[in-house]
């Protein structure tokens, strides 16, 4: 095992890292969400949507995104 701060063990960060969505859920009338939030910590990386294809993007310009109801 390498040192905890060796390049092979450091977590990867950067503006190129991200996710399409914070939550991926089945499309079903019985699946509902309320009061969700997604955050781009320190504006590093991006999350494009909150749930499936709904909600705004969390990124350097908009670090906290709320979605009150889905669907």
C-alpha atoms as a PDB file:
ATOM      1  CA  UNK A   1       0.000   0.000   0.000  1.00  0.00           C
ATOM      2  CA  UNK A   2       1.161   3.465  -0.846  1.00  0.00           C
ATOM      3  CA  UNK A   3       1.154   6.530   1.333  1.00  0.00           C
ATOM      4  CA  UNK A   4      -2.394   8.007   1.771  1.00  0.00           C
ATOM      5  CA  UNK A   5      -1.338  11.153  -0.111  1.00  0.00           C
ATOM      6  CA  UNK A   6       0.425   9.401  -2.954  1.00  0.00           C
ATOM      7  CA  UNK A   7      -0.955  10.280  -6.414  1.00  0.00           C
ATOM      8  CA  UNK A   8      -2.492   6.821  -6.767  1.00  0.00           C
ATOM      9  CA  UNK A   9      -4.584   7.282  -3.586  1.00  0.00           C
ATOM     10  CA  UNK A  10      -5.688  10.926  -3.801  1.00  0.00           C
ATOM     11  CA  UNK A  11      -9.350  11.490  -4.681  1.00  0.00           C
ATOM     12  CA  UNK A  12      -9.810  12.846  -8.166  1.00  0.00           C
ATOM     13  CA  UNK A  13     -11.337  16.302  -8.453  1.00  0.00           C
ATOM     14  CA  UNK A  14     -11.618  18.884 -11.172  1.00  0.00           C
ATOM     15  CA  UNK A  15     -14.110  20.681 -13.375  1.00  0.00           C
ATOM     16  CA  UNK A  16     -14.197  17.781 -15.838  1.00  0.00           C
ATOM     17  CA  UNK A  17     -15.620  15.404 -13.209  1.00  0.00           C
ATOM     18  CA  UNK A  18     -19.341  15.187 -12.776  1.00  0.00           C
ATOM     19  CA  UNK A  19     -22.541  13.228 -13.000  1.00  0.00           C
ATOM     20  CA  UNK A  20     -25.582  13.305 -15.244  1.00  0.00           C
ATOM     21  CA  UNK A  21     -27.899  13.293 -12.230  1.00  0.00           C
ATOM     22  CA  UNK A  22     -27.751  13.208  -8.437  1.00  0.00           C
ATOM     23  CA  UNK A  23     -30.579  10.654  -8.159  1.00  0.00           C
ATOM     24  CA  UNK A  24     -31.620   8.048 -10.702  1.00  0.00           C
ATOM     25  CA  UNK A  25     -35.026   6.523 -10.070  1.00  0.00           C
ATOM     26  CA  UNK A  26     -37.576   4.305 -11.779  1.00  0.00           C
ATOM     27  CA  UNK A  27     -40.280   6.031 -13.802  1.00  0.00           C
ATOM     28  CA  UNK A  28     -43.319   4.817 -11.925  1.00  0.00           C
ATOM     29  CA  UNK A  29     -46.375   6.665 -10.558  1.00  0.00           C
ATOM     30  CA  UNK A  30     -45.602   5.246  -7.096  1.00  0.00           C
ATOM     31  CA  UNK A  31     -42.078   6.728  -7.032  1.00  0.00           C
ATOM     32  CA  UNK A  32     -42.142  10.323  -5.759  1.00  0.00           C
ATOM     33  CA  UNK A  33     -39.574  12.653  -4.233  1.00  0.00           C
ATOM     34  CA  UNK A  34     -39.954  15.833  -2.194  1.00  0.00           C
ATOM     35  CA  UNK A  35     -37.432  18.433  -1.029  1.00  0.00           C
ATOM     36  CA  UNK A  36     -34.243  17.306  -2.767  1.00  0.00           C
ATOM     37  CA  UNK A  37     -30.974  19.195  -2.968  1.00  0.00           C
ATOM     38  CA  UNK A  38     -27.750  18.605  -4.859  1.00  0.00           C
ATOM     39  CA  UNK A  39     -24.484  20.451  -4.286  1.00  0.00           C
ATOM     40  CA  UNK A  40     -21.281  21.003  -6.221  1.00  0.00           C
ATOM     41  CA  UNK A  41     -18.866  21.250  -3.287  1.00  0.00           C
ATOM     42  CA  UNK A  42     -16.668  24.266  -3.758  1.00  0.00           C
ATOM     43  CA  UNK A  43     -17.899  24.549  -7.339  1.00  0.00           C
ATOM     44  CA  UNK A  44     -15.629  21.692  -8.403  1.00  0.00           C
ATOM     45  CA  UNK A  45     -17.228  19.375 -10.940  1.00  0.00           C
ATOM     46  CA  UNK A  46     -20.887  19.414 -11.926  1.00  0.00           C
ATOM     47  CA  UNK A  47     -24.139  17.508 -11.516  1.00  0.00           C
ATOM     48  CA  UNK A  48     -26.371  18.144 -14.527  1.00  0.00           C
ATOM     49  CA  UNK A  49     -29.814  17.296 -13.044  1.00  0.00           C
ATOM     50  CA  UNK A  50     -31.326  16.497  -9.646  1.00  0.00           C
ATOM     51  CA  UNK A  51     -33.603  13.502 -10.428  1.00  0.00           C
ATOM     52  CA  UNK A  52     -33.430  11.666 -13.764  1.00  0.00           C
ATOM     53  CA  UNK A  53     -33.814  14.493 -16.342  1.00  0.00           C
ATOM     54  CA  UNK A  54     -35.427  17.019 -13.974  1.00  0.00           C
ATOM     55  CA  UNK A  55     -33.908  19.924 -12.080  1.00  0.00           C
ATOM     56  CA  UNK A  56     -31.118  22.376 -12.676  1.00  0.00           C
ATOM     57  CA  UNK A  57     -27.366  21.889 -12.806  1.00  0.00           C
ATOM     58  CA  UNK A  58     -25.098  22.240  -9.781  1.00  0.00           C
ATOM     59  CA  UNK A  59     -21.742  23.666 -10.883  1.00  0.00           C
ATOM     60  CA  UNK A  60     -19.289  26.502 -10.206  1.00  0.00           C
ATOM     61  CA  UNK A  61     -21.870  29.163 -11.172  1.00  0.00           C
ATOM     62  CA  UNK A  62     -24.746  27.590  -9.227  1.00  0.00           C
ATOM     63  CA  UNK A  63     -23.390  25.395  -6.442  1.00  0.00           C
ATOM     64  CA  UNK A  64     -26.685  24.479  -4.717  1.00  0.00           C
ATOM     65  CA  UNK A  65     -29.809  23.313  -6.590  1.00  0.00           C
ATOM     66  CA  UNK A  66     -33.171  22.520  -4.995  1.00  0.00           C
ATOM     67  CA  UNK A  67     -36.057  20.506  -6.419  1.00  0.00           C
ATOM     68  CA  UNK A  68     -39.211  20.519  -4.303  1.00  0.00           C
ATOM     69  CA  UNK A  69     -41.229  17.812  -6.065  1.00  0.00           C
ATOM     70  CA  UNK A  70     -40.666  15.046  -8.582  1.00  0.00           C
ATOM     71  CA  UNK A  71     -42.590  14.145 -10.655  1.00  0.00           C
END
